[in-house]
Amino acid sequence: MRSQHVCILLAAFDGERFIRDQIDSIIKQTHSDWMLVVSCDPSNDRTPDLLTEICLENPEKDIRIVRGPGKGSTANFISMFDLVPDEASFVAFCDQDDVWLEDKLAYQVSLLEHEDEPTMACGATFVANEDLSTMHLSLIPRRPPGFGNALVQNIASGNTIMLNRGAFECLQEAKHHLCTEIVHDWWCYLVVTAMGGRVIYDSHPLVLYRQHTNNQIGQSNDILSKVRRLKRLFLGDHRRRNDRIEESLVPLKDRFLDQNQEILDAFNQARRSGTLRRLLAFGQTGVYRQRRSSQMLLLLSFVLGKL
């Protein structure tokens, strides 16, 4: 029987308000074969002291605290990759301010334990307010996961990600080329799909995704949030992000599936072409977003040269 050991990676920074809730929900998991690595970036609050207290209160649990690099969330997550032990069959990412449902690990292990190819599981969440008193289901993708989607949209929320060993090793190979301006969950979606791995998006929510004023990355689809995203598009943020994605992926192209090499080349060539050629090339790039309105915005971005 394969090992079911899960290594959980939690990146912490100024997290004293909610980090105990998150770690308590890990301790209460029905799947007990886990270890937790917490990398704590230099903080302005009591997060380091609180983590020490939690360890002392739970001496029977395998919780390891390390000092983070202090270079942002993505760099903090990636810095923990070398701390994942060889016996870990699965690697899960964890935010510092959410709450896991008690069957989160058990459910995702059951999704991955019979997968022989590199596979990443992710999925829906209950999007909750600060005190978890109200919540709603996150948006569910309407189209299958794939590299053509990953180039222009992230559907893999980091607080839901679990990787089997094969998918984790793909990321280990790719990490030296990562630009840390790219959020770690999007980068995982890109690399795993590019290298031919499988992504399982499950609509069964396993996480209470807490929204609060200090969220580094929140989830909102109200009118104001959409206006902000449109503003970022016209300011060139999407183009700069795609430049960083290209820098991170091009050195890995020889590990991609042939079809994904073609998608990456077509996308990068199209976004640097003239207006008419961009418009004609749009349908041939193989990139897509999950919803019709978002796909139309993608087309507009192409036409305006904002990608």
C-alpha atoms as a PDB file:
ATOM      1  CA  MET A   1       0.000   0.000   0.000  1.00  0.00           C
ATOM      2  CA  ARG A   2       1.290   3.455  -0.919  1.00  0.00           C
ATOM      3  CA  SER A   3       2.184   5.927   1.806  1.00  0.00           C
ATOM      4  CA  GLN A   4      -0.571   8.445   2.530  1.00  0.00           C
ATOM      5  CA  HIS A   5       1.728  10.906   4.266  1.00  0.00           C
ATOM      6  CA  VAL A   6       0.864  14.522   3.523  1.00  0.00           C
ATOM      7  CA  CYS A   7       3.306  17.404   3.923  1.00  0.00           C
ATOM      8  CA  ILE A   8       1.410  20.667   4.451  1.00  0.00           C
ATOM      9  CA  LEU A   9       3.159  23.945   3.601  1.00  0.00           C
ATOM     10  CA  LEU A  10       1.895  27.113   5.296  1.00  0.00           C
ATOM     11  CA  ALA A  11       3.388  30.527   4.481  1.00  0.00           C
ATOM     12  CA  ALA A  12       2.869  32.966   7.370  1.00  0.00           C
ATOM     13  CA  PHE A  13       3.232  36.726   7.683  1.00  0.00           C
ATOM     14  CA  ASP A  14       1.455  39.054  10.144  1.00  0.00           C
ATOM     15  CA  GLY A  15      -1.057  36.272  10.718  1.00  0.00           C
ATOM     16  CA  GLU A  16      -1.798  36.406  14.443  1.00  0.00           C
ATOM     17  CA  ARG A  17      -5.528  37.155  14.036  1.00  0.00           C
ATOM     18  CA  PHE A  18      -6.504  33.943  12.280  1.00  0.00           C
ATOM     19  CA  ILE A  19      -3.574  31.529  12.102  1.00  0.00           C
ATOM     20  CA  ARG A  20      -4.641  29.606  15.213  1.00  0.00           C
ATOM     21  CA  ASP A  21      -8.037  28.878  13.605  1.00  0.00           C
ATOM     22  CA  GLN A  22      -6.291  27.532  10.527  1.00  0.00           C
ATOM     23  CA  ILE A  23      -3.848  25.302  12.407  1.00  0.00           C
ATOM     24  CA  ASP A  24      -6.579  24.066  14.754  1.00  0.00           C
ATOM     25  CA  SER A  25      -8.554  22.940  11.695  1.00  0.00           C
ATOM     26  CA  ILE A  26      -5.497  20.996  10.497  1.00  0.00           C
ATOM     27  CA  ILE A  27      -5.079  19.327  13.880  1.00  0.00           C
ATOM     28  CA  LYS A  28      -8.749  18.220  13.718  1.00  0.00           C
ATOM     29  CA  GLN A  29      -8.389  16.514  10.316  1.00  0.00           C
ATOM     30  CA  THR A  30      -9.778  12.983  10.069  1.00  0.00           C
ATOM     31  CA  HIS A  31      -6.673  12.064   8.050  1.00  0.00           C
ATOM     32  CA  SER A  32      -3.973  12.005  10.710  1.00  0.00           C
ATOM     33  CA  ASP A  33      -0.881  11.096   8.662  1.00  0.00           C
ATOM     34  CA  TRP A  34       0.469  14.588   8.091  1.00  0.00           C
ATOM     35  CA  MET A  35       3.244  16.984   8.986  1.00  0.00           C
ATOM     36  CA  LEU A  36       3.017  20.774   8.919  1.00  0.00           C
ATOM     37  CA  VAL A  37       5.827  23.112   7.879  1.00  0.00           C
ATOM     38  CA  VAL A  38       5.225  26.786   8.675  1.00  0.00           C
ATOM     39  CA  SER A  39       7.583  29.303   7.119  1.00  0.00           C
ATOM     40  CA  CYS A  40       7.112  32.595   8.930  1.00  0.00           C
ATOM     41  CA  ASP A  41       8.375  35.721   7.204  1.00  0.00           C
ATOM     42  CA  PRO A  42       9.587  38.499   9.549  1.00  0.00           C
ATOM     43  CA  SER A  43       6.337  39.867  10.985  1.00  0.00           C
ATOM     44  CA  ASN A  44       5.099  42.999  12.726  1.00  0.00           C
ATOM     45  CA  ASP A  45       2.841  41.142  15.154  1.00  0.00           C
ATOM     46  CA  ARG A  46       2.960  38.142  17.488  1.00  0.00           C
ATOM     47  CA  THR A  47       2.803  35.490  14.755  1.00  0.00           C
ATOM     48  CA  PRO A  48       6.199  33.881  15.634  1.00  0.00           C
ATOM     49  CA  ASP A  49       5.354  33.738  19.350  1.00  0.00           C
ATOM     50  CA  LEU A  50       1.906  32.351  18.625  1.00  0.00           C
ATOM     51  CA  LEU A  51       3.375  29.604  16.433  1.00  0.00           C
ATOM     52  CA  THR A  52       5.736  28.633  19.252  1.00  0.00           C
ATOM     53  CA  GLU A  53       2.782  28.442  21.646  1.00  0.00           C
ATOM     54  CA  ILE A  54       0.842  26.207  19.260  1.00  0.00           C
ATOM     55  CA  CYS A  55       3.804  23.829  18.960  1.00  0.00           C
ATOM     56  CA  LEU A  56       4.183  23.622  22.738  1.00  0.00           C
ATOM     57  CA  GLU A  57       0.456  22.944  23.122  1.00  0.00           C
ATOM     58  CA  ASN A  58       0.575  20.092  20.591  1.00  0.00           C
ATOM     59  CA  PRO A  59       3.829  18.169  21.229  1.00  0.00           C
ATOM     60  CA  GLU A  60       2.383  14.992  19.678  1.00  0.00           C
ATOM     61  CA  LYS A  61       1.917  16.722  16.294  1.00  0.00           C
ATOM     62  CA  ASP A  62       4.686  17.081  13.708  1.00  0.00           C
ATOM     63  CA  ILE A  63       4.723  20.868  13.341  1.00  0.00           C
ATOM     64  CA  ARG A  64       7.938  22.528  12.222  1.00  0.00           C
ATOM     65  CA  ILE A  65       8.514  26.289  12.252  1.00  0.00           C
ATOM     66  CA  VAL A  66      11.177  27.899  10.051  1.00  0.00           C
ATOM     67  CA  ARG A  67      12.130  31.484   9.283  1.00  0.00           C
ATOM     68  CA  GLY A  68      10.895  32.654   5.895  1.00  0.00           C
ATOM     69  CA  PRO A  69      13.001  34.508   3.318  1.00  0.00           C
ATOM     70  CA  GLY A  70      11.013  37.734   3.694  1.00  0.00           C
ATOM     71  CA  LYS A  71      10.559  38.150  -0.061  1.00  0.00           C
ATOM     72  CA  GLY A  72       6.797  37.774  -0.408  1.00  0.00           C
ATOM     73  CA  SER A  73       4.260  34.976  -0.363  1.00  0.00           C
ATOM     74  CA  THR A  74       5.397  33.113  -3.491  1.00  0.00           C
ATOM     75  CA  ALA A  75       9.046  33.067  -2.430  1.00  0.00           C
ATOM     76  CA  ASN A  76       7.966  31.917   1.017  1.00  0.00           C
ATOM     77  CA  PHE A  77       6.024  28.937  -0.337  1.00  0.00           C
ATOM     78  CA  ILE A  78       8.783  27.900  -2.737  1.00  0.00           C
ATOM     79  CA  SER A  79      11.409  28.144   0.033  1.00  0.00           C
ATOM     80  CA  MET A  80       9.677  25.234   1.786  1.00  0.00           C
ATOM     81  CA  PHE A  81       9.963  22.817  -1.151  1.00  0.00           C
ATOM     82  CA  ASP A  82      13.354  21.532   0.007  1.00  0.00           C
ATOM     83  CA  LEU A  83      11.844  20.716   3.420  1.00  0.00           C
ATOM     84  CA  VAL A  84       9.359  18.205   1.982  1.00  0.00           C
ATOM     85  CA  PRO A  85      10.594  14.749   3.065  1.00  0.00           C
ATOM     86  CA  ASP A  86      11.033  11.873   0.629  1.00  0.00           C
ATOM     87  CA  GLU A  87       8.342   9.855   2.402  1.00  0.00           C
ATOM     88  CA  ALA A  88       5.640  12.456   1.653  1.00  0.00           C
ATOM     89  CA  SER A  89       3.370  11.121  -1.096  1.00  0.00           C
ATOM     90  CA  PHE A  90       1.321  14.324  -1.175  1.00  0.00           C
ATOM     91  CA  VAL A  91       1.999  18.044  -0.701  1.00  0.00           C
ATOM     92  CA  ALA A  92      -0.758  20.486   0.296  1.00  0.00           C
ATOM     93  CA  PHE A  93      -0.646  24.278   0.365  1.00  0.00           C
ATOM     94  CA  CYS A  94      -2.251  26.179   3.208  1.00  0.00           C
ATOM     95  CA  ASP A  95      -3.075  29.840   3.788  1.00  0.00           C
ATOM     96  CA  GLN A  96      -2.849  31.373   7.249  1.00  0.00           C
ATOM     97  CA  ASP A  97      -6.353  32.757   7.629  1.00  0.00           C
ATOM     98  CA  ASP A  98      -8.802  30.097   6.426  1.00  0.00           C
ATOM     99  CA  VAL A  99     -10.453  27.069   8.037  1.00  0.00           C
ATOM    100  CA  TRP A 100     -10.326  23.556   6.587  1.00  0.00           C
ATOM    101  CA  LEU A 101     -13.316  21.257   6.868  1.00  0.00           C
ATOM    102  CA  GLU A 102     -12.306  18.190   8.870  1.00  0.00           C
ATOM    103  CA  ASP A 103     -12.311  15.810   5.870  1.00  0.00           C
ATOM    104  CA  LYS A 104     -10.229  18.073   3.607  1.00  0.00           C
ATOM    105  CA  LEU A 105      -7.078  15.957   3.625  1.00  0.00           C
ATOM    106  CA  ALA A 106      -8.882  12.611   3.571  1.00  0.00           C
ATOM    107  CA  TYR A 107     -11.042  13.643   0.624  1.00  0.00           C
ATOM    108  CA  GLN A 108      -8.142  14.909  -1.487  1.00  0.00           C
ATOM    109  CA  VAL A 109      -5.940  11.916  -0.680  1.00  0.00           C
ATOM    110  CA  SER A 110      -8.765   9.728  -1.978  1.00  0.00           C
ATOM    111  CA  LEU A 111      -8.760  11.743  -5.219  1.00  0.00           C
ATOM    112  CA  LEU A 112      -5.019  11.363  -5.728  1.00  0.00           C
ATOM    113  CA  GLU A 113      -3.951   8.053  -4.205  1.00  0.00           C
ATOM    114  CA  HIS A 114      -4.533   5.993  -7.368  1.00  0.00           C
ATOM    115  CA  GLU A 115      -3.116   8.562  -9.821  1.00  0.00           C
ATOM    116  CA  ASP A 116       0.121   7.408 -11.458  1.00  0.00           C
ATOM    117  CA  GLU A 117       0.685  10.518 -13.594  1.00  0.00           C
ATOM    118  CA  PRO A 118       1.574  13.939 -12.130  1.00  0.00           C
ATOM    119  CA  THR A 119      -1.721  15.225 -10.725  1.00  0.00           C
ATOM    120  CA  MET A 120      -2.876  18.316  -8.864  1.00  0.00           C
ATOM    121  CA  ALA A 121      -6.197  18.473  -7.024  1.00  0.00           C
ATOM    122  CA  CYS A 122      -7.907  21.791  -6.340  1.00  0.00           C
ATOM    123  CA  GLY A 123     -11.460  22.966  -6.094  1.00  0.00           C
ATOM    124  CA  ALA A 124     -14.296  25.094  -4.841  1.00  0.00           C
ATOM    125  CA  THR A 125     -14.435  26.893  -1.512  1.00  0.00           C
ATOM    126  CA  PHE A 126     -17.017  28.418   0.749  1.00  0.00           C
ATOM    127  CA  VAL A 127     -16.208  32.137   0.468  1.00  0.00           C
ATOM    128  CA  ALA A 128     -16.829  33.506   3.959  1.00  0.00           C
ATOM    129  CA  ASN A 129     -16.806  36.852   5.696  1.00  0.00           C
ATOM    130  CA  GLU A 130     -14.317  37.701   8.429  1.00  0.00           C
ATOM    131  CA  ASP A 131     -16.122  35.991  11.313  1.00  0.00           C
ATOM    132  CA  LEU A 132     -17.296  33.076   9.112  1.00  0.00           C
ATOM    133  CA  SER A 133     -20.941  33.921   9.841  1.00  0.00           C
ATOM    134  CA  THR A 134     -22.012  34.152   6.191  1.00  0.00           C
ATOM    135  CA  MET A 135     -20.674  32.357   3.166  1.00  0.00           C
ATOM    136  CA  HIS A 136     -21.380  31.387  -0.422  1.00  0.00           C
ATOM    137  CA  LEU A 137     -19.982  28.878  -2.882  1.00  0.00           C
ATOM    138  CA  SER A 138     -17.147  30.097  -5.091  1.00  0.00           C
ATOM    139  CA  LEU A 139     -17.584  30.208  -8.856  1.00  0.00           C
ATOM    140  CA  ILE A 140     -17.251  26.796 -10.511  1.00  0.00           C
ATOM    141  CA  PRO A 141     -15.312  26.585 -13.807  1.00  0.00           C
ATOM    142  CA  ARG A 142     -17.453  25.752 -16.821  1.00  0.00           C
ATOM    143  CA  ARG A 143     -14.689  24.387 -19.042  1.00  0.00           C
ATOM    144  CA  PRO A 144     -12.038  21.716 -18.385  1.00  0.00           C
ATOM    145  CA  PRO A 145      -8.673  22.685 -16.881  1.00  0.00           C
ATOM    146  CA  GLY A 146      -5.784  22.875 -19.310  1.00  0.00           C
ATOM    147  CA  PHE A 147      -2.656  24.772 -20.301  1.00  0.00           C
ATOM    148  CA  GLY A 148      -4.593  26.986 -22.727  1.00  0.00           C
ATOM    149  CA  ASN A 149      -6.684  28.148 -19.785  1.00  0.00           C
ATOM    150  CA  ALA A 150      -3.735  28.430 -17.392  1.00  0.00           C
ATOM    151  CA  LEU A 151      -1.949  30.910 -19.682  1.00  0.00           C
ATOM    152  CA  VAL A 152      -4.717  33.475 -19.244  1.00  0.00           C
ATOM    153  CA  GLN A 153      -6.603  32.501 -16.088  1.00  0.00           C
ATOM    154  CA  ASN A 154      -6.013  30.793 -12.771  1.00  0.00           C
ATOM    155  CA  ILE A 155      -8.705  28.436 -11.468  1.00  0.00           C
ATOM    156  CA  ALA A 156      -6.508  26.776  -8.825  1.00  0.00           C
ATOM    157  CA  SER A 157      -7.018  28.501  -5.487  1.00  0.00           C
ATOM    158  CA  GLY A 158      -3.864  27.878  -3.464  1.00  0.00           C
ATOM    159  CA  ASN A 159      -5.717  27.076  -0.252  1.00  0.00           C
ATOM    160  CA  THR A 160      -7.311  24.065  -1.980  1.00  0.00           C
ATOM    161  CA  ILE A 161      -4.245  22.641  -3.770  1.00  0.00           C
ATOM    162  CA  MET A 162      -2.873  19.163  -3.094  1.00  0.00           C
ATOM    163  CA  LEU A 163      -0.192  17.603  -5.316  1.00  0.00           C
ATOM    164  CA  ASN A 164       0.828  14.006  -5.724  1.00  0.00           C
ATOM    165  CA  ARG A 165       4.548  13.262  -5.732  1.00  0.00           C
ATOM    166  CA  GLY A 166       4.828  13.412  -9.518  1.00  0.00           C
ATOM    167  CA  ALA A 167       3.269  16.868  -9.736  1.00  0.00           C
ATOM    168  CA  PHE A 168       5.428  18.121  -6.868  1.00  0.00           C
ATOM    169  CA  GLU A 169       8.562  16.918  -8.650  1.00  0.00           C
ATOM    170  CA  CYS A 170       7.496  18.851 -11.770  1.00  0.00           C
ATOM    171  CA  LEU A 171       7.392  21.990  -9.624  1.00  0.00           C
ATOM    172  CA  GLN A 172      10.728  21.168  -8.004  1.00  0.00           C
ATOM    173  CA  GLU A 173      12.276  21.000 -11.462  1.00  0.00           C
ATOM    174  CA  ALA A 174      10.690  24.292 -12.523  1.00  0.00           C
ATOM    175  CA  LYS A 175      11.207  26.390  -9.383  1.00  0.00           C
ATOM    176  CA  HIS A 176      14.616  27.768 -10.405  1.00  0.00           C
ATOM    177  CA  HIS A 177      12.978  29.631 -13.294  1.00  0.00           C
ATOM    178  CA  LEU A 178      10.054  31.033 -11.314  1.00  0.00           C
ATOM    179  CA  CYS A 179       9.538  34.776 -11.241  1.00  0.00           C
ATOM    180  CA  THR A 180       8.156  35.433  -7.772  1.00  0.00           C
ATOM    181  CA  GLU A 181       5.849  38.154  -9.117  1.00  0.00           C
ATOM    182  CA  ILE A 182       3.634  35.246 -10.243  1.00  0.00           C
ATOM    183  CA  VAL A 183       1.418  33.916  -7.445  1.00  0.00           C
ATOM    184  CA  HIS A 184       2.374  30.385  -6.467  1.00  0.00           C
ATOM    185  CA  ASP A 185      -0.984  28.743  -7.177  1.00  0.00           C
ATOM    186  CA  TRP A 186      -1.198  30.108 -10.721  1.00  0.00           C
ATOM    187  CA  TRP A 187       2.384  28.997 -11.326  1.00  0.00           C
ATOM    188  CA  CYS A 188       1.471  25.474 -10.166  1.00  0.00           C
ATOM    189  CA  TYR A 189      -1.477  25.380 -12.567  1.00  0.00           C
ATOM    190  CA  LEU A 190       0.780  26.545 -15.408  1.00  0.00           C
ATOM    191  CA  VAL A 191       3.626  24.110 -14.794  1.00  0.00           C
ATOM    192  CA  VAL A 192       1.573  20.997 -14.073  1.00  0.00           C
ATOM    193  CA  THR A 193      -0.609  21.422 -17.166  1.00  0.00           C
ATOM    194  CA  ALA A 194       2.309  22.465 -19.402  1.00  0.00           C
ATOM    195  CA  MET A 195       4.216  19.295 -18.531  1.00  0.00           C
ATOM    196  CA  GLY A 196       1.227  17.110 -19.303  1.00  0.00           C
ATOM    197  CA  GLY A 197       0.050  16.582 -15.744  1.00  0.00           C
ATOM    198  CA  ARG A 198      -3.586  16.226 -14.797  1.00  0.00           C
ATOM    199  CA  VAL A 199      -5.603  18.798 -12.862  1.00  0.00           C
ATOM    200  CA  ILE A 200      -8.650  17.599 -10.948  1.00  0.00           C
ATOM    201  CA  TYR A 201     -11.001  20.463 -10.160  1.00  0.00           C
ATOM    202  CA  ASP A 202     -13.575  19.260  -7.657  1.00  0.00           C
ATOM    203  CA  SER A 203     -16.755  21.233  -6.986  1.00  0.00           C
ATOM    204  CA  HIS A 204     -17.052  19.835  -3.440  1.00  0.00           C
ATOM    205  CA  PRO A 205     -15.909  22.703  -1.141  1.00  0.00           C
ATOM    206  CA  LEU A 206     -13.437  21.768   1.574  1.00  0.00           C
ATOM    207  CA  VAL A 207     -12.229  25.180   2.781  1.00  0.00           C
ATOM    208  CA  LEU A 208     -13.825  28.211   4.435  1.00  0.00           C
ATOM    209  CA  TYR A 209     -12.064  30.946   2.448  1.00  0.00           C
ATOM    210  CA  ARG A 210     -12.039  33.899   4.835  1.00  0.00           C
ATOM    211  CA  GLN A 211     -12.291  37.376   3.288  1.00  0.00           C
ATOM    212  CA  HIS A 212     -10.923  40.241   5.383  1.00  0.00           C
ATOM    213  CA  THR A 213      -9.231  43.586   5.006  1.00  0.00           C
ATOM    214  CA  ASN A 214      -5.700  42.142   5.065  1.00  0.00           C
ATOM    215  CA  ASN A 215      -6.171  39.425   2.434  1.00  0.00           C
ATOM    216  CA  GLN A 216      -3.187  39.468   0.082  1.00  0.00           C
ATOM    217  CA  ILE A 217      -5.422  37.918  -2.558  1.00  0.00           C
ATOM    218  CA  GLY A 218      -9.156  37.850  -2.004  1.00  0.00           C
ATOM    219  CA  GLN A 219     -12.039  36.564  -4.055  1.00  0.00           C
ATOM    220  CA  SER A 220     -14.675  39.041  -5.096  1.00  0.00           C
ATOM    221  CA  ASN A 221     -16.897  39.345  -8.141  1.00  0.00           C
ATOM    222  CA  ASP A 222     -18.850  42.481  -7.277  1.00  0.00           C
ATOM    223  CA  ILE A 223     -19.084  45.402  -9.699  1.00  0.00           C
ATOM    224  CA  LEU A 224     -16.332  47.419  -7.985  1.00  0.00           C
ATOM    225  CA  SER A 225     -13.899  44.489  -8.181  1.00  0.00           C
ATOM    226  CA  LYS A 226     -14.643  44.022 -11.873  1.00  0.00           C
ATOM    227  CA  VAL A 227     -14.009  47.730 -12.502  1.00  0.00           C
ATOM    228  CA  ARG A 228     -10.675  47.457 -10.691  1.00  0.00           C
ATOM    229  CA  ARG A 229      -9.675  44.463 -12.813  1.00  0.00           C
ATOM    230  CA  LEU A 230     -10.610  46.358 -15.982  1.00  0.00           C
ATOM    231  CA  LYS A 231      -8.527  49.320 -14.817  1.00  0.00           C
ATOM    232  CA  ARG A 232      -5.521  47.038 -14.249  1.00  0.00           C
ATOM    233  CA  LEU A 233      -5.961  45.692 -17.771  1.00  0.00           C
ATOM    234  CA  PHE A 234      -5.779  49.165 -19.334  1.00  0.00           C
ATOM    235  CA  LEU A 235      -2.809  50.107 -17.139  1.00  0.00           C
ATOM    236  CA  GLY A 236      -0.869  47.222 -18.649  1.00  0.00           C
ATOM    237  CA  ASP A 237      -0.780  44.950 -15.585  1.00  0.00           C
ATOM    238  CA  HIS A 238      -1.872  41.916 -17.612  1.00  0.00           C
ATOM    239  CA  ARG A 239       0.841  42.449 -20.195  1.00  0.00           C
ATOM    240  CA  ARG A 240       3.518  42.729 -17.522  1.00  0.00           C
ATOM    241  CA  ARG A 241       2.195  39.570 -15.854  1.00  0.00           C
ATOM    242  CA  ASN A 242       2.287  37.684 -19.160  1.00  0.00           C
ATOM    243  CA  ASP A 243       5.874  38.836 -19.701  1.00  0.00           C
ATOM    244  CA  ARG A 244       6.805  37.332 -16.321  1.00  0.00           C
ATOM    245  CA  ILE A 245       4.943  34.103 -17.147  1.00  0.00           C
ATOM    246  CA  GLU A 246       6.829  33.856 -20.435  1.00  0.00           C
ATOM    247  CA  GLU A 247      10.168  34.370 -18.663  1.00  0.00           C
ATOM    248  CA  SER A 248       9.320  31.549 -16.251  1.00  0.00           C
ATOM    249  CA  LEU A 249       8.058  29.069 -18.853  1.00  0.00           C
ATOM    250  CA  VAL A 250      10.314  29.445 -21.894  1.00  0.00           C
ATOM    251  CA  PRO A 251      13.366  27.828 -20.205  1.00  0.00           C
ATOM    252  CA  LEU A 252      11.185  24.753 -19.503  1.00  0.00           C
ATOM    253  CA  LYS A 253       9.754  24.306 -22.991  1.00  0.00           C
ATOM    254  CA  ASP A 254      11.633  21.090 -23.709  1.00  0.00           C
ATOM    255  CA  ARG A 255       9.645  19.485 -20.856  1.00  0.00           C
ATOM    256  CA  PHE A 256       6.279  20.559 -22.241  1.00  0.00           C
ATOM    257  CA  LEU A 257       3.945  18.438 -24.298  1.00  0.00           C
ATOM    258  CA  ASP A 258       4.366  19.324 -27.984  1.00  0.00           C
ATOM    259  CA  GLN A 259       0.869  20.805 -28.150  1.00  0.00           C
ATOM    260  CA  ASN A 260       1.597  23.039 -25.173  1.00  0.00           C
ATOM    261  CA  GLN A 261       4.828  24.288 -26.748  1.00  0.00           C
ATOM    262  CA  GLU A 262       2.740  25.260 -29.766  1.00  0.00           C
ATOM    263  CA  ILE A 263       0.139  27.040 -27.605  1.00  0.00           C
ATOM    264  CA  LEU A 264       2.831  29.017 -25.751  1.00  0.00           C
ATOM    265  CA  ASP A 265       4.590  30.022 -28.986  1.00  0.00           C
ATOM    266  CA  ALA A 266       1.326  30.997 -30.717  1.00  0.00           C
ATOM    267  CA  PHE A 267       0.155  33.037 -27.735  1.00  0.00           C
ATOM    268  CA  ASN A 268       3.407  34.952 -27.335  1.00  0.00           C
ATOM    269  CA  GLN A 269       3.714  35.582 -31.067  1.00  0.00           C
ATOM    270  CA  ALA A 270       0.106  36.779 -31.319  1.00  0.00           C
ATOM    271  CA  ARG A 271       0.318  39.203 -28.427  1.00  0.00           C
ATOM    272  CA  ARG A 272       3.339  40.896 -30.044  1.00  0.00           C
ATOM    273  CA  SER A 273       1.778  41.179 -33.511  1.00  0.00           C
ATOM    274  CA  GLY A 274      -0.099  44.084 -35.100  1.00  0.00           C
ATOM    275  CA  THR A 275      -3.783  44.657 -34.397  1.00  0.00           C
ATOM    276  CA  LEU A 276      -5.230  42.846 -37.406  1.00  0.00           C
ATOM    277  CA  ARG A 277      -2.904  39.886 -37.028  1.00  0.00           C
ATOM    278  CA  ARG A 278      -3.711  39.646 -33.313  1.00  0.00           C
ATOM    279  CA  LEU A 279      -7.402  39.561 -34.097  1.00  0.00           C
ATOM    280  CA  LEU A 280      -7.008  36.881 -36.771  1.00  0.00           C
ATOM    281  CA  ALA A 281      -4.696  34.805 -34.576  1.00  0.00           C
ATOM    282  CA  PHE A 282      -6.886  34.872 -31.467  1.00  0.00           C
ATOM    283  CA  GLY A 283      -8.860  31.746 -32.290  1.00  0.00           C
ATOM    284  CA  GLN A 284      -5.710  29.836 -33.237  1.00  0.00           C
ATOM    285  CA  THR A 285      -3.734  30.381 -30.038  1.00  0.00           C
ATOM    286  CA  GLY A 286      -5.617  27.749 -28.031  1.00  0.00           C
ATOM    287  CA  VAL A 287      -6.084  30.016 -25.005  1.00  0.00           C
ATOM    288  CA  TYR A 288      -9.445  30.325 -23.273  1.00  0.00           C
ATOM    289  CA  ARG A 289     -11.188  31.556 -20.159  1.00  0.00           C
ATOM    290  CA  GLN A 290     -13.967  29.842 -18.276  1.00  0.00           C
ATOM    291  CA  ARG A 291     -16.940  32.133 -18.901  1.00  0.00           C
ATOM    292  CA  ARG A 292     -18.262  33.877 -21.980  1.00  0.00           C
ATOM    293  CA  SER A 293     -17.963  37.397 -20.526  1.00  0.00           C
ATOM    294  CA  SER A 294     -14.382  36.719 -19.487  1.00  0.00           C
ATOM    295  CA  GLN A 295     -13.593  35.278 -22.920  1.00  0.00           C
ATOM    296  CA  MET A 296     -14.929  38.464 -24.540  1.00  0.00           C
ATOM    297  CA  LEU A 297     -12.699  40.549 -22.259  1.00  0.00           C
ATOM    298  CA  LEU A 298      -9.779  38.360 -23.299  1.00  0.00           C
ATOM    299  CA  LEU A 299     -10.566  39.079 -26.962  1.00  0.00           C
ATOM    300  CA  LEU A 300     -10.745  42.808 -26.220  1.00  0.00           C
ATOM    301  CA  SER A 301      -7.377  42.594 -24.473  1.00  0.00           C
ATOM    302  CA  PHE A 302      -5.914  40.937 -27.554  1.00  0.00           C
ATOM    303  CA  VAL A 303      -7.305  43.572 -29.912  1.00  0.00           C
ATOM    304  CA  LEU A 304      -6.049  46.440 -27.751  1.00  0.00           C
ATOM    305  CA  GLY A 305      -2.606  44.894 -27.334  1.00  0.00           C
ATOM    306  CA  LYS A 306      -2.937  44.725 -23.539  1.00  0.00           C
ATOM    307  CA  LEU A 307      -1.705  41.119 -23.224  1.00  0.00           C
END
